[in-house]
Amino acid sequence: MGISETVVHFVLYEGVKARLMAARGRDGAANDTRSPRDFLEFMGAGAFSKTVASCIAYPHEVARTRLREEGDKYRKFWQTLHTVWVEEGYRGVYRGLGTQLVRQIPNTAIMMSTYEAVVYILTTHFNSSFYEKT
């Protein structure tokens, strides 16, 4: 259960990125030039995908946190989620999500754009170096 957020995030990110590139008439190939707009779009795609993934997987974080509490009330993952749902409703299952999003969304947006910039720079540098030597 712990990796579901990461899986959803990367699948959504790659899907959104592919649609953005297709909408601009690019196939995402390494020899495409990138503009600052592309990197802003990558930030947006990262923010969107992380928001959706966090909302889907946040109950896992709540259960994990509750399982760390002392006492016998919370014993197993599914039992903890059920107890929180019965006693507190959906508000209990999503308590703290806003704070989590405020912390994670800017970080993820910057991280994904930086990742794409580094990949672009390394790919164009190594491809041009390779072609100059042959």
Protein backbone atom coordinates (compact mmCIF):
# COMPACT_ATOMS: atom_id res chain seq x y z
CA MET A 1 0.00 0.00 0.00
CA GLY A 2 2.86 2.36 0.73
CA ILE A 3 4.01 2.71 -2.88
CA SER A 4 0.58 3.32 -4.39
CA GLU A 5 1.00 7.11 -4.20
CA THR A 6 4.29 6.99 -6.09
CA VAL A 7 2.88 4.66 -8.74
CA VAL A 8 -0.19 6.83 -9.33
CA HIS A 9 1.94 9.99 -9.35
CA PHE A 10 4.41 8.81 -12.00
CA VAL A 11 1.79 7.20 -14.23
CA LEU A 12 -0.30 10.38 -14.19
CA TYR A 13 2.75 12.60 -14.66
CA GLU A 14 3.95 10.72 -17.72
CA GLY A 15 0.44 10.69 -19.18
CA VAL A 16 -0.08 14.42 -18.68
CA LYS A 17 3.41 15.18 -19.99
CA ALA A 18 2.77 13.11 -23.12
CA ARG A 19 -0.52 14.93 -23.76
CA LEU A 20 1.11 18.31 -23.28
CA MET A 21 3.89 17.45 -25.70
CA ALA A 22 1.43 16.03 -28.24
CA ALA A 23 -0.75 19.13 -27.98
CA ARG A 24 2.27 21.26 -28.88
CA GLY A 25 3.16 19.01 -31.81
CA ARG A 26 6.15 17.40 -30.16
CA ASP A 27 6.83 13.75 -29.67
CA GLY A 28 9.09 14.17 -26.64
CA ALA A 29 12.17 12.97 -28.49
CA ALA A 30 15.56 13.90 -27.12
CA ASN A 31 16.41 16.18 -30.05
CA ASP A 32 13.41 18.44 -29.43
CA THR A 33 14.32 21.85 -28.13
CA ARG A 34 12.73 22.93 -24.90
CA SER A 35 11.48 26.35 -23.92
CA PRO A 36 10.82 27.84 -20.49
CA ARG A 37 7.13 27.21 -21.18
CA ASP A 38 7.83 23.47 -21.40
CA PHE A 39 9.39 23.46 -17.96
CA LEU A 40 6.46 25.43 -16.51
CA GLU A 41 4.15 22.82 -18.03
CA PHE A 42 6.25 20.07 -16.46
CA MET A 43 5.84 21.83 -13.12
CA GLY A 44 2.08 21.94 -13.64
CA ALA A 45 1.98 18.28 -14.63
CA GLY A 46 3.99 17.36 -11.54
CA ALA A 47 1.75 19.41 -9.28
CA PHE A 48 -1.43 17.97 -10.78
CA SER A 49 -0.26 14.35 -10.67
CA LYS A 50 1.02 14.65 -7.09
CA THR A 51 -2.24 16.26 -5.94
CA VAL A 52 -4.34 13.46 -7.41
CA ALA A 53 -2.00 10.75 -6.12
CA SER A 54 -1.91 12.26 -2.63
CA CYS A 55 -5.70 12.49 -2.45
CA ILE A 56 -6.06 8.87 -3.52
CA ALA A 57 -3.41 7.46 -1.19
CA TYR A 58 -3.76 9.77 1.82
CA PRO A 59 -5.81 7.32 3.92
CA HIS A 60 -2.69 5.14 3.99
CA GLU A 61 -0.78 7.97 5.69
CA VAL A 62 -3.55 8.40 8.26
CA ALA A 63 -3.58 4.67 9.06
CA ARG A 64 0.21 4.55 9.29
CA THR A 65 0.25 7.49 11.68
CA ARG A 66 -2.51 6.03 13.84
CA LEU A 67 -0.73 2.67 14.03
CA ARG A 68 2.21 4.44 15.66
CA GLU A 69 0.04 5.65 18.54
CA GLU A 70 0.30 3.89 21.87
CA GLY A 71 -2.53 1.66 22.99
CA ASP A 72 -4.55 -1.25 21.66
CA LYS A 73 -7.13 0.66 19.66
CA TYR A 74 -5.29 0.40 16.33
CA ARG A 75 -3.76 -2.99 15.55
CA LYS A 76 -3.82 -3.64 11.79
CA PHE A 77 -3.96 -1.48 8.68
CA TRP A 78 -7.49 -2.25 7.47
CA GLN A 79 -8.84 -2.37 11.03
CA THR A 80 -7.36 1.09 11.65
CA LEU A 81 -8.91 2.56 8.51
CA HIS A 82 -12.28 1.03 9.39
CA THR A 83 -12.12 2.37 12.95
CA VAL A 84 -11.21 5.87 11.81
CA TRP A 85 -14.00 5.80 9.19
CA VAL A 86 -16.63 4.61 11.67
CA GLU A 87 -15.62 7.01 14.46
CA GLU A 88 -14.66 10.12 12.45
CA GLY A 89 -16.02 9.66 8.92
CA TYR A 90 -14.30 10.88 5.79
CA ARG A 91 -12.96 13.93 7.65
CA GLY A 92 -10.93 11.63 9.88
CA VAL A 93 -9.60 9.66 6.94
CA TYR A 94 -8.45 12.87 5.23
CA ARG A 95 -7.42 14.87 8.32
CA GLY A 96 -4.20 16.74 7.58
CA LEU A 97 -4.41 16.42 3.79
CA GLY A 98 -4.33 20.19 3.25
CA THR A 99 -1.11 20.55 5.19
CA GLN A 100 0.38 17.60 3.33
CA LEU A 101 -0.50 19.14 -0.04
CA VAL A 102 0.93 22.55 0.91
CA ARG A 103 4.22 20.84 1.77
CA GLN A 104 4.42 18.38 -1.12
CA ILE A 105 2.99 20.13 -4.17
CA PRO A 106 5.57 22.92 -4.57
CA ASN A 107 8.38 20.48 -3.83
CA THR A 108 7.14 17.98 -6.41
CA ALA A 109 6.52 20.64 -9.07
CA ILE A 110 10.06 21.96 -8.73
CA MET A 111 11.52 18.44 -8.56
CA MET A 112 9.81 17.26 -11.76
CA SER A 113 10.79 20.36 -13.72
CA THR A 114 14.38 20.08 -12.48
CA TYR A 115 14.46 16.40 -13.40
CA GLU A 116 13.26 17.17 -16.93
CA ALA A 117 15.82 19.98 -17.27
CA VAL A 118 18.69 17.75 -16.17
CA VAL A 119 17.60 14.95 -18.51
CA TYR A 120 17.30 17.43 -21.37
CA ILE A 121 20.71 18.97 -20.71
CA LEU A 122 22.45 15.62 -20.33
CA THR A 123 20.72 14.14 -23.36
CA THR A 124 21.49 17.06 -25.65
CA HIS A 125 25.07 17.31 -24.36
CA PHE A 126 25.85 13.61 -24.75
CA ASN A 127 24.06 13.33 -28.09
CA SER A 128 25.95 16.33 -29.51
CA SER A 129 29.26 15.02 -28.10
CA PHE A 130 28.58 11.61 -29.64
CA TYR A 131 27.82 13.04 -33.08
CA GLU A 132 30.88 15.33 -33.04
CA LYS A 133 33.18 12.33 -32.45
CA THR A 134 31.74 10.15 -35.22
